[in-house]
Amino acid sequence: MIFLADESIPRAAFRVLREQVFDVASVGEDSAGSTDEDVLAGCTSERRTLLTLDKDFGELVFHRGLPAECGVILFRVDAESPSEFSEMVLAALRSRNNWSGFFTVVSRDRIKMRPLPKS
């Protein structure tokens, strides 16, 4: 599994993922200031699943029809600290091996997956 952490994902979270041997690129490190459209295009070209806190990606995928076949994981969790958030992200990503083809919303008590529209 390879991922792209949107700029909204705290640095501590993708550092923890990297320490756990996940392949995680970061928009903030590699292409800060990119538009959401460019972020989705990068996910598609690099076959990475997007990790984000930004609800706008749902609009782009479902209403504007932008391709995101590699998957989008939207985290909707209130965490007390960056380390608690990191633990929740790690637990969610360990829960399955394939996120492609789904728009996933992760909350504190559940993971809800919706198939992405076909491009």
C-alpha atoms as a PDB file:
ATOM      1  CA  MET A   1       0.000   0.000   0.000  1.00  0.00           C
ATOM      2  CA  ILE A   2       1.280   3.404  -0.893  1.00  0.00           C
ATOM      3  CA  PHE A   3      -0.245   6.674   0.254  1.00  0.00           C
ATOM      4  CA  LEU A   4      -0.112  10.408  -0.280  1.00  0.00           C
ATOM      5  CA  ALA A   5      -0.671  12.561   2.815  1.00  0.00           C
ATOM      6  CA  ASP A   6      -2.483  15.772   1.953  1.00  0.00           C
ATOM      7  CA  GLU A   7      -1.211  18.971   3.573  1.00  0.00           C
ATOM      8  CA  SER A   8      -4.035  18.690   6.118  1.00  0.00           C
ATOM      9  CA  ILE A   9      -2.549  15.512   7.638  1.00  0.00           C
ATOM     10  CA  PRO A  10      -0.318  16.356  10.624  1.00  0.00           C
ATOM     11  CA  ARG A  11       3.361  15.681  10.043  1.00  0.00           C
ATOM     12  CA  ALA A  12       3.491  13.467  13.138  1.00  0.00           C
ATOM     13  CA  ALA A  13       0.949  11.088  11.572  1.00  0.00           C
ATOM     14  CA  PHE A  14       2.824  10.390   8.354  1.00  0.00           C
ATOM     15  CA  ARG A  15       6.098  10.124  10.263  1.00  0.00           C
ATOM     16  CA  VAL A  16       4.570   7.362  12.418  1.00  0.00           C
ATOM     17  CA  LEU A  17       3.323   5.611   9.277  1.00  0.00           C
ATOM     18  CA  ARG A  18       6.794   5.769   7.747  1.00  0.00           C
ATOM     19  CA  GLU A  19       8.308   4.340  10.932  1.00  0.00           C
ATOM     20  CA  GLN A  20       5.871   1.437  10.547  1.00  0.00           C
ATOM     21  CA  VAL A  21       7.172   0.863   6.984  1.00  0.00           C
ATOM     22  CA  PHE A  22       4.259   2.422   5.100  1.00  0.00           C
ATOM     23  CA  ASP A  23       5.222   4.178   1.869  1.00  0.00           C
ATOM     24  CA  VAL A  24       3.846   7.687   2.463  1.00  0.00           C
ATOM     25  CA  ALA A  25       4.638  10.687   0.299  1.00  0.00           C
ATOM     26  CA  SER A  26       3.655  14.123   1.567  1.00  0.00           C
ATOM     27  CA  VAL A  27       2.147  17.006  -0.368  1.00  0.00           C
ATOM     28  CA  GLY A  28       3.586  19.391   2.224  1.00  0.00           C
ATOM     29  CA  GLU A  29       7.116  18.065   1.680  1.00  0.00           C
ATOM     30  CA  ASP A  30       7.023  17.473  -2.066  1.00  0.00           C
ATOM     31  CA  SER A  31       4.575  19.965  -3.577  1.00  0.00           C
ATOM     32  CA  ALA A  32       3.269  22.400  -0.972  1.00  0.00           C
ATOM     33  CA  GLY A  33       0.487  24.654  -2.169  1.00  0.00           C
ATOM     34  CA  SER A  34      -0.775  22.234  -4.821  1.00  0.00           C
ATOM     35  CA  THR A  35      -4.421  22.505  -5.774  1.00  0.00           C
ATOM     36  CA  ASP A  36      -6.742  19.698  -4.738  1.00  0.00           C
ATOM     37  CA  GLU A  37      -7.108  18.818  -8.413  1.00  0.00           C
ATOM     38  CA  ASP A  38      -3.334  18.448  -8.741  1.00  0.00           C
ATOM     39  CA  VAL A  39      -3.212  16.331  -5.585  1.00  0.00           C
ATOM     40  CA  LEU A  40      -5.790  13.904  -7.040  1.00  0.00           C
ATOM     41  CA  ALA A  41      -3.917  13.829 -10.353  1.00  0.00           C
ATOM     42  CA  GLY A  42      -0.716  12.973  -8.485  1.00  0.00           C
ATOM     43  CA  CYS A  43      -2.468  10.148  -6.636  1.00  0.00           C
ATOM     44  CA  THR A  44      -3.706   8.758  -9.926  1.00  0.00           C
ATOM     45  CA  SER A  45      -0.357   8.965 -11.704  1.00  0.00           C
ATOM     46  CA  GLU A  46       1.584   7.489  -8.762  1.00  0.00           C
ATOM     47  CA  ARG A  47      -1.152   4.949  -7.816  1.00  0.00           C
ATOM     48  CA  ARG A  48      -1.301   6.317  -4.243  1.00  0.00           C
ATOM     49  CA  THR A  49      -4.285   6.385  -1.904  1.00  0.00           C
ATOM     50  CA  LEU A  50      -4.957   9.884  -0.585  1.00  0.00           C
ATOM     51  CA  LEU A  51      -4.997  10.531   3.175  1.00  0.00           C
ATOM     52  CA  THR A  52      -6.803  13.768   4.052  1.00  0.00           C
ATOM     53  CA  LEU A  53      -8.829  15.765   6.551  1.00  0.00           C
ATOM     54  CA  ASP A  54     -10.290  17.898   3.733  1.00  0.00           C
ATOM     55  CA  LYS A  55     -13.959  17.197   2.894  1.00  0.00           C
ATOM     56  CA  ASP A  56     -13.548  19.040  -0.428  1.00  0.00           C
ATOM     57  CA  PHE A  57     -12.169  15.864  -1.993  1.00  0.00           C
ATOM     58  CA  GLY A  58     -15.633  14.288  -1.738  1.00  0.00           C
ATOM     59  CA  GLU A  59     -17.021  17.155  -3.788  1.00  0.00           C
ATOM     60  CA  LEU A  60     -14.286  16.790  -6.389  1.00  0.00           C
ATOM     61  CA  VAL A  61     -14.774  13.048  -6.741  1.00  0.00           C
ATOM     62  CA  PHE A  62     -18.540  12.639  -6.501  1.00  0.00           C
ATOM     63  CA  HIS A  63     -19.863  15.917  -7.914  1.00  0.00           C
ATOM     64  CA  ARG A  64     -17.170  17.041 -10.332  1.00  0.00           C
ATOM     65  CA  GLY A  65     -16.209  13.525 -11.386  1.00  0.00           C
ATOM     66  CA  LEU A  66     -12.451  13.865 -10.979  1.00  0.00           C
ATOM     67  CA  PRO A  67     -10.686  10.499 -11.104  1.00  0.00           C
ATOM     68  CA  ALA A  68      -9.492   9.014  -7.819  1.00  0.00           C
ATOM     69  CA  GLU A  69      -9.499   5.284  -8.520  1.00  0.00           C
ATOM     70  CA  CYS A  70      -6.624   4.689  -6.097  1.00  0.00           C
ATOM     71  CA  GLY A  71      -8.881   5.699  -3.224  1.00  0.00           C
ATOM     72  CA  VAL A  72      -9.407   8.552  -0.798  1.00  0.00           C
ATOM     73  CA  ILE A  73      -9.391   8.171   2.979  1.00  0.00           C
ATOM     74  CA  LEU A  74     -11.017  11.087   4.795  1.00  0.00           C
ATOM     75  CA  PHE A  75     -10.308  11.207   8.528  1.00  0.00           C
ATOM     76  CA  ARG A  76     -13.132  12.774  10.562  1.00  0.00           C
ATOM     77  CA  VAL A  77     -11.758  12.300  14.060  1.00  0.00           C
ATOM     78  CA  ASP A  78     -11.287  14.619  17.000  1.00  0.00           C
ATOM     79  CA  ALA A  79      -8.035  13.718  18.666  1.00  0.00           C
ATOM     80  CA  GLU A  80      -6.642  15.080  21.897  1.00  0.00           C
ATOM     81  CA  SER A  81      -3.107  15.195  20.508  1.00  0.00           C
ATOM     82  CA  PRO A  82      -1.070  14.552  17.350  1.00  0.00           C
ATOM     83  CA  SER A  83       0.069  11.230  18.813  1.00  0.00           C
ATOM     84  CA  GLU A  84      -3.527  10.104  19.435  1.00  0.00           C
ATOM     85  CA  PHE A  85      -4.446  11.076  15.870  1.00  0.00           C
ATOM     86  CA  SER A  86      -1.408   9.191  14.579  1.00  0.00           C
ATOM     87  CA  GLU A  87      -2.483   6.079  16.478  1.00  0.00           C
ATOM     88  CA  MET A  88      -5.988   6.282  14.962  1.00  0.00           C
ATOM     89  CA  VAL A  89      -4.567   6.663  11.452  1.00  0.00           C
ATOM     90  CA  LEU A  90      -2.219   3.729  11.958  1.00  0.00           C
ATOM     91  CA  ALA A  91      -5.010   1.519  13.315  1.00  0.00           C
ATOM     92  CA  ALA A  92      -7.283   2.380  10.389  1.00  0.00           C
ATOM     93  CA  LEU A  93      -4.625   1.662   7.758  1.00  0.00           C
ATOM     94  CA  ARG A  94      -3.725  -1.638   9.399  1.00  0.00           C
ATOM     95  CA  SER A  95      -7.381  -2.711   9.265  1.00  0.00           C
ATOM     96  CA  ARG A  96      -7.292  -3.546   5.542  1.00  0.00           C
ATOM     97  CA  ASN A  97      -4.891  -4.106   2.681  1.00  0.00           C
ATOM     98  CA  ASN A  98      -6.659  -2.403  -0.190  1.00  0.00           C
ATOM     99  CA  TRP A  99      -8.265   1.038  -0.283  1.00  0.00           C
ATOM    100  CA  SER A 100      -8.388   1.390  -4.074  1.00  0.00           C
ATOM    101  CA  GLY A 101     -11.757   2.128  -5.602  1.00  0.00           C
ATOM    102  CA  PHE A 102     -13.300   3.550  -2.424  1.00  0.00           C
ATOM    103  CA  PHE A 103     -13.962   6.883  -0.774  1.00  0.00           C
ATOM    104  CA  THR A 104     -13.514   6.003   2.878  1.00  0.00           C
ATOM    105  CA  VAL A 105     -14.512   8.034   5.918  1.00  0.00           C
ATOM    106  CA  VAL A 106     -12.758   7.103   9.137  1.00  0.00           C
ATOM    107  CA  SER A 107     -14.322   8.267  12.388  1.00  0.00           C
ATOM    108  CA  ARG A 108     -13.471   7.334  15.937  1.00  0.00           C
ATOM    109  CA  ASP A 109     -15.930   4.433  16.030  1.00  0.00           C
ATOM    110  CA  ARG A 110     -16.219   3.211  12.430  1.00  0.00           C
ATOM    111  CA  ILE A 111     -14.880   3.042   8.916  1.00  0.00           C
ATOM    112  CA  LYS A 112     -17.436   3.725   6.181  1.00  0.00           C
ATOM    113  CA  MET A 113     -16.500   2.855   2.598  1.00  0.00           C
ATOM    114  CA  ARG A 114     -18.328   4.023  -0.507  1.00  0.00           C
ATOM    115  CA  PRO A 115     -17.362   2.820  -3.997  1.00  0.00           C
ATOM    116  CA  LEU A 116     -15.898   5.549  -6.181  1.00  0.00           C
ATOM    117  CA  PRO A 117     -17.685   6.392  -9.422  1.00  0.00           C
ATOM    118  CA  LYS A 118     -16.209   4.814 -12.532  1.00  0.00           C
ATOM    119  CA  SER A 119     -14.200   7.285 -14.615  1.00  0.00           C
END
